[in-house]
Structures are given as C-alpha cells and as structure tokens.
C-alpha cells in the first residue's frame, strides 16, 4: 500500500511541476499543450508498463526508484540551465528537457510494470497527472499574480518536485 501512495504522490507532483513550468513563458498557455503532455505521459507510461511486465524476474524495484529520483533531480538542474524569460522552460528547439521527461515517464511506467500494476493503474495515473497538470497551471498563475515583481518565482514548481523526490528516496 505504501508503494501505491508514494507512486501516486510522485505522479501528482510531476504533473503539478510540469503544469507550473508551462505557465512560465510570457505567452499564455494553450489547452493543446496540456493535452499533448497528458498523451505523452500516457503513451510513454504505458510502453514502460508493458516493458516492465517482461522484466519482472531480474530487475530490482529499489534501483528503479533511485534512477527515477536521479532523473527528477537532473530535470530540475536542466530546468535551471534551460530557462528563458520569454520562451519559458520548453523551447521549440530544445530537446534536452523533453528527452529527460520522456525517460522519466518511461521509467515510471517500467516501475508500474515491475510492481505488476496494469492498464487500469496506468490510465488512473494519467488522469491524476492530467488533473495535476491543470492544477499546476492554475496555482502557478495565482502565484505569478501575487509575486509579479520577482522573476525567480517561475522556479517555484521545482521546489515541489525537489521535496517529493527526496521523500521518494527515503
């Protein structure tokens, strides 16, 4: 039961963080971006789950959790280094952040496959991710309205991810 709670909190936090990061550029966010990230998560999580179903005998789940935490920390570092005040975190030409996210989503699905969670769990996690994505955009817009003078407020969602990543390691 503890694994399920930790996994769902991690999925929710990743969605909240990405939603907050999508609200960083000067241009307003389009609903198409939310749909695209949700489908990206569902597809890669499902492929990872199917891959994890075939690797159940020889892969250690704790190793996957450590790699997920390291990838989340690498994502935080990449966000700090790739931020542009006008374009935000996700540039049209930049493939680094999307590659790290793709690997993160795939390994999350791999973890679910190793724990023998199947399609229903993946779809439920995708709905949770999509809701967290929308909530992250809403919360970050509210934070930006209150603290509009401070340019570093765009990095606030990364604090949430850092906190939950450290908790996942415990």
N, C-alpha and C. Protein backbone atom coordinates (compact mmCIF):
# COMPACT_ATOMS: atom_id res chain seq x y z
N UNK A 1 0.83 -1.20 0.00
CA UNK A 1 0.00 0.00 0.00
C UNK A 1 0.86 1.25 0.00
N UNK A 2 2.00 1.20 0.70
CA UNK A 2 2.88 2.36 0.77
C UNK A 2 3.43 2.70 -0.62
N UNK A 3 3.76 1.67 -1.43
CA UNK A 3 4.26 1.90 -2.78
C UNK A 3 3.24 2.67 -3.62
N UNK A 4 1.99 2.31 -3.51
CA UNK A 4 0.94 2.95 -4.31
C UNK A 4 0.82 4.42 -3.94
N UNK A 5 0.85 4.73 -2.65
CA UNK A 5 0.74 6.13 -2.21
C UNK A 5 1.94 6.94 -2.69
N UNK A 6 3.13 6.38 -2.55
CA UNK A 6 4.34 7.09 -2.99
C UNK A 6 4.32 7.31 -4.50
N UNK A 7 3.90 6.31 -5.24
CA UNK A 7 3.84 6.43 -6.70
C UNK A 7 2.83 7.49 -7.12
N UNK A 8 1.64 7.46 -6.52
CA UNK A 8 0.62 8.43 -6.89
C UNK A 8 0.99 9.86 -6.48
N UNK A 9 1.64 10.01 -5.34
CA UNK A 9 2.12 11.34 -4.94
C UNK A 9 3.20 11.83 -5.90
N UNK A 10 4.07 10.95 -6.33
CA UNK A 10 5.11 11.33 -7.28
C UNK A 10 4.50 11.72 -8.63
N UNK A 11 3.52 10.96 -9.11
CA UNK A 11 2.84 11.29 -10.37
C UNK A 11 2.15 12.64 -10.25
N UNK A 12 1.46 12.86 -9.13
CA UNK A 12 0.77 14.13 -8.91
C UNK A 12 1.76 15.29 -8.88
N UNK A 13 2.88 15.11 -8.22
CA UNK A 13 3.87 16.18 -8.11
C UNK A 13 4.54 16.47 -9.45
N UNK A 14 4.83 15.44 -10.22
CA UNK A 14 5.41 15.67 -11.55
C UNK A 14 4.41 16.44 -12.42
N UNK A 15 3.15 16.08 -12.36
CA UNK A 15 2.13 16.81 -13.11
C UNK A 15 1.99 18.25 -12.64
N UNK A 16 2.01 18.45 -11.33
CA UNK A 16 1.92 19.79 -10.76
C UNK A 16 3.12 20.63 -11.19
N UNK A 17 4.29 20.03 -11.18
CA UNK A 17 5.51 20.75 -11.57
C UNK A 17 5.49 21.12 -13.05
N UNK A 18 5.15 20.18 -13.90
CA UNK A 18 5.14 20.47 -15.33
C UNK A 18 4.06 21.50 -15.65
N UNK A 19 2.91 21.41 -15.00
CA UNK A 19 1.88 22.43 -15.19
C UNK A 19 2.36 23.81 -14.76
N UNK A 20 3.07 23.87 -13.65
CA UNK A 20 3.62 25.15 -13.20
C UNK A 20 4.68 25.67 -14.15
N UNK A 21 5.48 24.78 -14.72
CA UNK A 21 6.52 25.21 -15.65
C UNK A 21 5.93 25.66 -16.98
N UNK A 22 4.79 25.11 -17.35
CA UNK A 22 4.14 25.54 -18.59
C UNK A 22 3.58 26.96 -18.49
N UNK A 23 3.34 27.42 -17.27
CA UNK A 23 2.79 28.77 -17.06
C UNK A 23 3.89 29.83 -17.01
N UNK A 24 5.15 29.46 -17.18
CA UNK A 24 6.27 30.39 -17.04
C UNK A 24 6.47 31.35 -18.21
N UNK A 25 6.23 30.95 -19.47
CA UNK A 25 6.52 31.90 -20.55
C UNK A 25 5.57 33.09 -20.57
N UNK A 26 5.96 34.09 -21.31
CA UNK A 26 5.13 35.31 -21.40
C UNK A 26 3.84 35.06 -22.18
N UNK A 27 3.87 34.16 -23.14
CA UNK A 27 2.67 33.82 -23.90
C UNK A 27 1.75 32.96 -23.03
N UNK A 28 0.45 33.15 -23.14
CA UNK A 28 -0.46 32.30 -22.33
C UNK A 28 -0.44 30.85 -22.81
N UNK A 29 -0.72 29.97 -21.88
CA UNK A 29 -0.72 28.54 -22.19
C UNK A 29 -1.97 28.18 -22.99
N UNK A 30 -1.81 27.25 -23.90
CA UNK A 30 -2.95 26.77 -24.68
C UNK A 30 -3.37 25.41 -24.16
N UNK A 31 -4.66 25.09 -24.21
CA UNK A 31 -5.10 23.76 -23.76
C UNK A 31 -4.47 22.61 -24.55
N UNK A 32 -4.04 22.90 -25.77
CA UNK A 32 -3.39 21.88 -26.58
C UNK A 32 -2.10 21.38 -25.91
N UNK A 33 -1.38 22.28 -25.23
CA UNK A 33 -0.15 21.89 -24.54
C UNK A 33 -0.45 20.90 -23.41
N UNK A 34 -1.52 21.14 -22.69
CA UNK A 34 -1.90 20.23 -21.60
C UNK A 34 -2.28 18.86 -22.15
N UNK A 35 -3.05 18.86 -23.23
CA UNK A 35 -3.43 17.59 -23.86
C UNK A 35 -2.21 16.85 -24.39
N UNK A 36 -1.29 17.58 -24.98
CA UNK A 36 -0.09 16.97 -25.54
C UNK A 36 0.76 16.32 -24.45
N UNK A 37 0.96 17.02 -23.33
CA UNK A 37 1.74 16.44 -22.24
C UNK A 37 1.02 15.25 -21.61
N UNK A 38 -0.30 15.31 -21.52
CA UNK A 38 -1.06 14.18 -20.96
C UNK A 38 -0.94 12.94 -21.84
N UNK A 39 -1.06 13.12 -23.13
CA UNK A 39 -0.92 11.97 -24.04
C UNK A 39 0.52 11.45 -24.06
N UNK A 40 1.47 12.35 -23.96
CA UNK A 40 2.89 11.99 -23.88
C UNK A 40 3.13 11.11 -22.64
N UNK A 41 2.55 11.51 -21.51
CA UNK A 41 2.68 10.75 -20.28
C UNK A 41 2.01 9.38 -20.40
N UNK A 42 0.78 9.37 -20.93
CA UNK A 42 0.04 8.11 -21.06
C UNK A 42 0.77 7.14 -21.98
N UNK A 43 1.23 7.62 -23.12
CA UNK A 43 1.88 6.74 -24.09
C UNK A 43 3.18 6.17 -23.54
N UNK A 44 4.04 7.01 -23.01
CA UNK A 44 5.33 6.52 -22.52
C UNK A 44 5.18 5.69 -21.25
N UNK A 45 4.24 6.06 -20.38
CA UNK A 45 3.97 5.26 -19.19
C UNK A 45 3.45 3.87 -19.55
N UNK A 46 2.60 3.82 -20.56
CA UNK A 46 2.05 2.53 -20.98
C UNK A 46 3.11 1.65 -21.64
N UNK A 47 3.96 2.25 -22.47
CA UNK A 47 5.06 1.49 -23.09
C UNK A 47 6.00 0.98 -22.00
N UNK A 48 6.29 1.82 -21.00
CA UNK A 48 7.14 1.40 -19.89
C UNK A 48 6.51 0.29 -19.08
N UNK A 49 5.18 0.36 -18.88
CA UNK A 49 4.49 -0.69 -18.13
C UNK A 49 4.55 -2.02 -18.86
N UNK A 50 4.36 -1.99 -20.17
CA UNK A 50 4.44 -3.22 -20.96
C UNK A 50 5.86 -3.78 -20.91
N UNK A 51 6.86 -2.92 -21.00
CA UNK A 51 8.24 -3.37 -20.91
C UNK A 51 8.53 -3.97 -19.54
N UNK A 52 8.01 -3.34 -18.49
CA UNK A 52 8.22 -3.83 -17.13
C UNK A 52 7.56 -5.17 -16.86
N UNK A 53 6.49 -5.48 -17.60
CA UNK A 53 5.83 -6.78 -17.43
C UNK A 53 6.76 -7.92 -17.83
N UNK A 54 7.63 -7.68 -18.79
CA UNK A 54 8.53 -8.72 -19.27
C UNK A 54 9.84 -8.79 -18.51
N UNK A 55 10.10 -7.82 -17.63
CA UNK A 55 11.37 -7.77 -16.90
C UNK A 55 11.20 -8.08 -15.42
N UNK A 56 10.10 -8.66 -15.02
CA UNK A 56 9.79 -8.80 -13.60
C UNK A 56 10.77 -9.64 -12.82
N UNK A 57 11.40 -10.60 -13.42
CA UNK A 57 12.24 -11.52 -12.67
C UNK A 57 13.60 -11.01 -12.27
N UNK A 58 14.19 -10.10 -13.01
CA UNK A 58 15.59 -9.78 -12.76
C UNK A 58 15.87 -8.30 -12.50
N UNK A 59 14.85 -7.48 -12.37
CA UNK A 59 15.07 -6.06 -12.13
C UNK A 59 14.65 -5.71 -10.71
N UNK A 60 15.47 -4.95 -10.00
CA UNK A 60 15.18 -4.56 -8.63
C UNK A 60 14.38 -3.26 -8.63
N UNK A 61 13.29 -3.22 -7.88
CA UNK A 61 12.42 -2.05 -7.84
C UNK A 61 13.08 -0.87 -7.16
N UNK A 62 13.91 -1.13 -6.16
CA UNK A 62 14.61 -0.05 -5.46
C UNK A 62 15.59 0.66 -6.40
N UNK A 63 16.22 -0.09 -7.29
CA UNK A 63 17.11 0.51 -8.28
C UNK A 63 16.35 1.47 -9.19
N UNK A 64 15.16 1.07 -9.62
CA UNK A 64 14.33 1.93 -10.48
C UNK A 64 13.93 3.20 -9.74
N UNK A 65 13.59 3.09 -8.45
CA UNK A 65 13.23 4.28 -7.67
C UNK A 65 14.41 5.24 -7.55
N UNK A 66 15.60 4.71 -7.37
CA UNK A 66 16.79 5.57 -7.27
C UNK A 66 17.05 6.26 -8.62
N UNK A 67 16.92 5.52 -9.71
CA UNK A 67 17.13 6.12 -11.03
C UNK A 67 16.06 7.18 -11.31
N UNK A 68 14.81 6.93 -10.91
CA UNK A 68 13.75 7.93 -11.06
C UNK A 68 14.08 9.20 -10.29
N UNK A 69 14.57 9.04 -9.08
CA UNK A 69 14.93 10.21 -8.28
C UNK A 69 16.09 10.98 -8.90
N UNK A 70 17.07 10.27 -9.41
CA UNK A 70 18.20 10.93 -10.07
C UNK A 70 17.73 11.66 -11.32
N UNK A 71 16.83 11.05 -12.08
CA UNK A 71 16.30 11.72 -13.27
C UNK A 71 15.49 12.96 -12.92
N UNK A 72 14.73 12.88 -11.83
CA UNK A 72 13.97 14.06 -11.40
C UNK A 72 14.92 15.18 -10.99
N UNK A 73 16.01 14.83 -10.32
CA UNK A 73 17.00 15.85 -9.95
C UNK A 73 17.70 16.41 -11.20
N UNK A 74 17.98 15.56 -12.18
CA UNK A 74 18.55 16.05 -13.44
C UNK A 74 17.58 16.96 -14.18
N UNK A 75 16.29 16.65 -14.10
CA UNK A 75 15.28 17.51 -14.71
C UNK A 75 15.27 18.89 -14.05
N UNK A 76 15.41 18.92 -12.73
CA UNK A 76 15.46 20.20 -12.02
C UNK A 76 16.68 21.01 -12.46
N UNK A 77 17.83 20.36 -12.54
CA UNK A 77 19.05 21.06 -12.97
C UNK A 77 18.91 21.53 -14.41
N UNK A 78 18.35 20.70 -15.29
CA UNK A 78 18.16 21.09 -16.68
C UNK A 78 17.20 22.26 -16.80
N UNK A 79 16.18 22.31 -15.95
CA UNK A 79 15.24 23.43 -15.97
C UNK A 79 15.94 24.73 -15.58
N UNK A 80 16.80 24.66 -14.59
CA UNK A 80 17.53 25.86 -14.18
C UNK A 80 18.46 26.35 -15.29
N UNK A 81 19.06 25.44 -16.02
CA UNK A 81 20.02 25.85 -17.04
C UNK A 81 19.36 26.22 -18.36
N UNK A 82 18.15 25.77 -18.62
CA UNK A 82 17.48 25.99 -19.91
C UNK A 82 16.43 27.09 -19.89
N UNK A 83 16.21 27.74 -18.78
CA UNK A 83 15.13 28.73 -18.67
C UNK A 83 15.44 29.97 -19.51
N UNK A 84 14.42 30.45 -20.21
CA UNK A 84 14.50 31.70 -20.95
C UNK A 84 13.30 32.54 -20.55
N UNK A 85 13.49 33.81 -20.21
CA UNK A 85 12.37 34.62 -19.71
C UNK A 85 11.19 34.75 -20.68
N UNK A 86 11.45 34.73 -21.97
CA UNK A 86 10.37 34.87 -22.94
C UNK A 86 9.76 33.52 -23.31
N UNK A 87 10.59 32.52 -23.55
CA UNK A 87 10.11 31.22 -24.01
C UNK A 87 9.74 30.28 -22.87
N UNK A 88 10.19 30.56 -21.68
CA UNK A 88 9.91 29.69 -20.55
C UNK A 88 10.90 28.53 -20.49
N UNK A 89 10.40 27.38 -20.07
CA UNK A 89 11.26 26.22 -19.88
C UNK A 89 11.33 25.32 -21.11
N UNK A 90 10.27 25.26 -21.87
CA UNK A 90 10.20 24.34 -23.01
C UNK A 90 10.34 25.14 -24.30
N UNK A 91 11.56 25.25 -24.82
CA UNK A 91 11.85 25.97 -26.05
C UNK A 91 11.47 25.11 -27.24
N UNK A 92 11.18 25.74 -28.36
CA UNK A 92 10.89 24.93 -29.56
C UNK A 92 12.09 24.14 -30.06
N UNK A 93 13.31 24.66 -29.89
CA UNK A 93 14.49 23.97 -30.40
C UNK A 93 15.15 23.07 -29.36
N UNK A 94 14.79 23.19 -28.12
CA UNK A 94 15.47 22.46 -27.05
C UNK A 94 14.85 21.08 -26.86
N UNK A 95 15.66 20.05 -26.98
CA UNK A 95 15.18 18.68 -26.85
C UNK A 95 15.65 18.03 -25.55
N UNK A 96 16.47 18.70 -24.78
CA UNK A 96 17.04 18.11 -23.56
C UNK A 96 15.94 17.85 -22.53
N UNK A 97 15.14 18.85 -22.23
CA UNK A 97 14.09 18.69 -21.20
C UNK A 97 13.07 17.63 -21.61
N UNK A 98 12.69 17.64 -22.88
CA UNK A 98 11.71 16.65 -23.33
C UNK A 98 12.29 15.24 -23.31
N UNK A 99 13.57 15.10 -23.59
CA UNK A 99 14.21 13.79 -23.52
C UNK A 99 14.28 13.27 -22.09
N UNK A 100 14.61 14.15 -21.17
CA UNK A 100 14.65 13.75 -19.75
C UNK A 100 13.25 13.38 -19.28
N UNK A 101 12.25 14.17 -19.69
CA UNK A 101 10.87 13.85 -19.32
C UNK A 101 10.41 12.53 -19.92
N UNK A 102 10.78 12.28 -21.17
CA UNK A 102 10.40 11.02 -21.81
C UNK A 102 11.00 9.83 -21.06
N UNK A 103 12.25 9.94 -20.70
CA UNK A 103 12.89 8.86 -19.94
C UNK A 103 12.26 8.72 -18.55
N UNK A 104 11.92 9.83 -17.93
CA UNK A 104 11.26 9.80 -16.62
C UNK A 104 9.90 9.11 -16.71
N UNK A 105 9.10 9.47 -17.71
CA UNK A 105 7.78 8.85 -17.87
C UNK A 105 7.91 7.36 -18.19
N UNK A 106 8.87 6.99 -19.04
CA UNK A 106 9.08 5.59 -19.37
C UNK A 106 9.47 4.79 -18.13
N UNK A 107 10.38 5.33 -17.32
CA UNK A 107 10.81 4.60 -16.12
C UNK A 107 9.71 4.53 -15.07
N UNK A 108 8.84 5.53 -15.04
CA UNK A 108 7.69 5.44 -14.13
C UNK A 108 6.80 4.28 -14.55
N UNK A 109 6.55 4.15 -15.85
CA UNK A 109 5.78 3.01 -16.34
C UNK A 109 6.48 1.69 -16.12
N UNK A 110 7.79 1.68 -16.27
CA UNK A 110 8.57 0.46 -16.00
C UNK A 110 8.42 0.04 -14.54
N UNK A 111 8.42 1.00 -13.66
CA UNK A 111 8.23 0.70 -12.23
C UNK A 111 6.85 0.08 -12.00
N UNK A 112 5.83 0.61 -12.66
CA UNK A 112 4.49 0.06 -12.51
C UNK A 112 4.42 -1.36 -13.05
N UNK A 113 5.09 -1.62 -14.16
CA UNK A 113 5.10 -2.98 -14.70
C UNK A 113 5.82 -3.95 -13.79
N UNK A 114 6.91 -3.50 -13.16
CA UNK A 114 7.63 -4.36 -12.23
C UNK A 114 6.82 -4.66 -10.98
N UNK A 115 6.00 -3.70 -10.57
CA UNK A 115 5.14 -3.91 -9.40
C UNK A 115 3.84 -4.63 -9.76
N UNK A 116 3.72 -5.01 -11.03
CA UNK A 116 2.56 -5.73 -11.57
C UNK A 116 1.28 -4.92 -11.52
N UNK A 117 1.42 -3.60 -11.72
CA UNK A 117 0.26 -2.75 -11.94
C UNK A 117 0.01 -2.75 -13.45
N UNK A 118 -1.23 -2.80 -13.83
CA UNK A 118 -1.54 -2.96 -15.24
C UNK A 118 -2.23 -1.73 -15.82
N UNK A 119 -3.01 -1.92 -16.86
CA UNK A 119 -3.59 -0.84 -17.65
C UNK A 119 -4.48 0.08 -16.83
N UNK A 120 -5.29 -0.46 -15.96
CA UNK A 120 -6.18 0.38 -15.16
C UNK A 120 -5.39 1.36 -14.31
N UNK A 121 -4.30 0.92 -13.72
CA UNK A 121 -3.48 1.81 -12.90
C UNK A 121 -2.82 2.89 -13.76
N UNK A 122 -2.37 2.52 -14.95
CA UNK A 122 -1.73 3.49 -15.84
C UNK A 122 -2.72 4.55 -16.29
N UNK A 123 -3.92 4.15 -16.62
CA UNK A 123 -4.93 5.13 -17.03
C UNK A 123 -5.34 6.01 -15.85
N UNK A 124 -5.47 5.42 -14.67
CA UNK A 124 -5.78 6.21 -13.47
C UNK A 124 -4.68 7.21 -13.17
N UNK A 125 -3.43 6.77 -13.29
CA UNK A 125 -2.30 7.68 -13.07
C UNK A 125 -2.28 8.78 -14.12
N UNK A 126 -2.70 8.48 -15.34
CA UNK A 126 -2.75 9.50 -16.39
C UNK A 126 -3.82 10.54 -16.10
N UNK A 127 -4.97 10.11 -15.58
CA UNK A 127 -6.00 11.08 -15.18
C UNK A 127 -5.51 11.94 -14.01
N UNK A 128 -4.83 11.32 -13.08
CA UNK A 128 -4.25 12.07 -11.96
C UNK A 128 -3.22 13.07 -12.46
N UNK A 129 -2.38 12.65 -13.39
CA UNK A 129 -1.37 13.53 -13.98
C UNK A 129 -2.03 14.70 -14.70
N UNK A 130 -3.08 14.43 -15.47
CA UNK A 130 -3.76 15.49 -16.21
C UNK A 130 -4.41 16.50 -15.26
N UNK A 131 -5.05 16.01 -14.20
CA UNK A 131 -5.62 16.92 -13.21
C UNK A 131 -4.55 17.75 -12.52
N UNK A 132 -3.44 17.12 -12.20
CA UNK A 132 -2.33 17.84 -11.56
C UNK A 132 -1.72 18.86 -12.51
N UNK A 133 -1.69 18.54 -13.79
CA UNK A 133 -1.18 19.47 -14.79
C UNK A 133 -2.03 20.74 -14.82
N UNK A 134 -3.33 20.58 -14.86
CA UNK A 134 -4.23 21.74 -14.83
C UNK A 134 -4.13 22.51 -13.53
N UNK A 135 -4.05 21.79 -12.42
CA UNK A 135 -3.91 22.45 -11.12
C UNK A 135 -2.58 23.19 -11.02
N UNK A 136 -1.52 22.63 -11.58
CA UNK A 136 -0.22 23.29 -11.57
C UNK A 136 -0.24 24.60 -12.34
N UNK A 137 -0.92 24.62 -13.49
CA UNK A 137 -1.05 25.86 -14.25
C UNK A 137 -1.82 26.89 -13.44
N UNK A 138 -2.93 26.47 -12.85
CA UNK A 138 -3.76 27.39 -12.06
C UNK A 138 -2.99 27.96 -10.87
N UNK A 139 -2.33 27.10 -10.11
CA UNK A 139 -1.59 27.55 -8.93
C UNK A 139 -0.45 28.48 -9.32
N UNK A 140 0.27 28.14 -10.38
CA UNK A 140 1.40 28.98 -10.78
C UNK A 140 0.91 30.34 -11.30
N UNK A 141 -0.23 30.38 -11.97
CA UNK A 141 -0.79 31.67 -12.41
C UNK A 141 -1.17 32.52 -11.21
N UNK A 142 -1.72 31.90 -10.18
CA UNK A 142 -2.06 32.65 -8.97
C UNK A 142 -0.81 33.17 -8.27
N UNK A 143 0.22 32.34 -8.21
CA UNK A 143 1.47 32.76 -7.58
C UNK A 143 2.11 33.90 -8.38
N UNK A 144 2.06 33.81 -9.69
CA UNK A 144 2.63 34.87 -10.53
C UNK A 144 1.88 36.18 -10.38
N UNK A 145 0.56 36.12 -10.16
CA UNK A 145 -0.20 37.36 -9.98
C UNK A 145 0.17 38.05 -8.68
N UNK A 146 0.41 37.27 -7.64
CA UNK A 146 0.75 37.86 -6.35
C UNK A 146 2.19 38.36 -6.33
N UNK A 147 3.11 37.58 -6.85
CA UNK A 147 4.54 37.91 -6.81
C UNK A 147 5.06 38.30 -8.19
N UNK A 148 4.37 39.20 -8.87
CA UNK A 148 4.72 39.55 -10.24
C UNK A 148 6.04 40.31 -10.34
N UNK A 149 6.50 40.88 -9.26
CA UNK A 149 7.75 41.66 -9.28
C UNK A 149 9.00 40.77 -9.32
N UNK A 150 8.88 39.56 -8.86
CA UNK A 150 10.04 38.69 -8.69
C UNK A 150 10.17 37.74 -9.89
N UNK A 151 11.29 37.81 -10.55
CA UNK A 151 11.48 36.98 -11.76
C UNK A 151 11.76 35.51 -11.42
N UNK A 152 12.28 35.25 -10.25
CA UNK A 152 12.63 33.88 -9.89
C UNK A 152 11.43 33.06 -9.42
N UNK A 153 10.25 33.63 -9.42
CA UNK A 153 9.06 32.89 -8.99
C UNK A 153 8.68 31.80 -10.01
N UNK A 154 9.22 31.89 -11.21
CA UNK A 154 8.96 30.85 -12.21
C UNK A 154 9.55 29.50 -11.81
N UNK A 155 10.52 29.51 -10.89
CA UNK A 155 11.16 28.28 -10.46
C UNK A 155 10.45 27.63 -9.26
N UNK A 156 9.38 28.20 -8.78
CA UNK A 156 8.67 27.67 -7.60
C UNK A 156 8.19 26.23 -7.77
N UNK A 157 7.68 25.82 -8.95
CA UNK A 157 7.24 24.41 -9.07
C UNK A 157 8.37 23.40 -8.88
N UNK A 158 9.59 23.80 -9.15
CA UNK A 158 10.71 22.88 -9.00
C UNK A 158 10.97 22.54 -7.54
N UNK A 159 10.57 23.43 -6.64
CA UNK A 159 10.72 23.16 -5.20
C UNK A 159 9.82 22.00 -4.79
N UNK A 160 8.61 21.95 -5.34
CA UNK A 160 7.69 20.85 -5.03
C UNK A 160 8.29 19.53 -5.48
N UNK A 161 8.83 19.51 -6.70
CA UNK A 161 9.42 18.28 -7.23
C UNK A 161 10.65 17.87 -6.43
N UNK A 162 11.46 18.82 -6.02
CA UNK A 162 12.64 18.51 -5.22
C UNK A 162 12.24 17.87 -3.89
N UNK A 163 11.24 18.41 -3.25
CA UNK A 163 10.77 17.88 -1.97
C UNK A 163 10.27 16.45 -2.10
N UNK A 164 9.44 16.18 -3.09
CA UNK A 164 8.87 14.84 -3.25
C UNK A 164 9.93 13.85 -3.75
N UNK A 165 10.90 14.31 -4.53
CA UNK A 165 11.97 13.44 -4.98
C UNK A 165 12.82 12.97 -3.80
N UNK A 166 13.12 13.87 -2.89
CA UNK A 166 13.87 13.48 -1.71
C UNK A 166 13.06 12.51 -0.85
N UNK A 167 11.76 12.74 -0.74
CA UNK A 167 10.90 11.81 0.02
C UNK A 167 10.84 10.43 -0.65
N UNK A 168 10.90 10.40 -1.96
CA UNK A 168 10.85 9.11 -2.68
C UNK A 168 12.11 8.28 -2.38
N UNK A 169 13.21 8.93 -2.14
CA UNK A 169 14.44 8.21 -1.83
C UNK A 169 14.41 7.58 -0.44
N UNK A 170 13.60 8.12 0.46
CA UNK A 170 13.56 7.58 1.82
C UNK A 170 12.83 6.29 1.86
